[in-house]
Amino acid sequence: MQHHTHHQLTESTIAGWLPIFLITVIAFAYLYALIGLKNRRNTLDTWRTISFMCGICLLGIAMAPSLAQWAHSDLRGHMVQHLLIGMFAPIFLVLGAPITLALKVSPVNVARSITTVLKSRVFQIASHPVTAFLLNIGGMYLLYLTPLYNESFTKPYLHYVMHLHFLVAGYVFTWSMIGVDPAPKRPGLRVRVFVLFISIASHAFLSKFMYAYLFPLNSPHSDEQIRAAAKLMYYWGDLSELLLTIALFAIWYQKRGRAKYDLSPLIS
């Protein structure tokens, strides 16, 4: 196997710990907001806090320097990172309802600004399940079926862009499916279920294609590594999509008969 020591992150480098630092900052910001909410004698369901912290922990595991270093030299490690950052962590983060928390704890003018964004046409298009699907699955096809993956070995910044894309695309797609934050004109259950099953099929197809034709081509990884990574992608991806499907139907069942959205109580 070819080694790429020129940009390997070690546990002693600042770059290796920077993602952990940023994740910790996000966790403390969430907890600080919760304290502010409690001081206002308002609450957020405890299980949402637990869910958000589970998502934070998954991100922390994914970006731990030891796992990051494994991911730089082994496609199996890379795939574990991909699954944690882009598929499992977003489920727990979205269910933690950070936008709802921000709306509840922010000053009125800030809450109104957030509400304006949620109501904007740009946000509605970007967060539509079809758009989120293209951003999420499209990015995976682009990464693994083109020379982009190999490019990341010679351009270290691509690793950070790739991880950020995994997280943002995974979060937006998950939010479009099971987001509990108030937002107008959200597509109905039929659209979300249809897009979700297309996404499941697309993800499964990509993993099988990688296994059969050994993508990414011309990578420094052995055939055995690529097949093992493709199997991780297939089976663990199925598990995350099963969790997402369960959450989607559970939330839909709870919300039957309720108003589709109501932003005003959160900013009053």
Foldseek 3Di string as FASTA:
>chain_A
DDDQPPDQDDQPDPVLCVQVVVLVVVLVVLVVLQVLCVVVVHHDDPVLNVLQVVLSVLLCVLSHSVLSNVVLPFVLSVLSSLCSQQFASLLSNLSNQSLLSCLQRPALVVNVVSQCCLADPVNQVCLALVNLLCLALVVVCCCWADCNVVVCSVPVVVVVVSSVSSNVSSNSNLCLQQHPDFHPPRDDPVRSVVSLVVSLVSQLVVLVCCLVVVIPPPHPYDNVRSNVSSVCSNPSVVVSSVVSVVSRVVNCVVCPPHDNGDSVVSSD
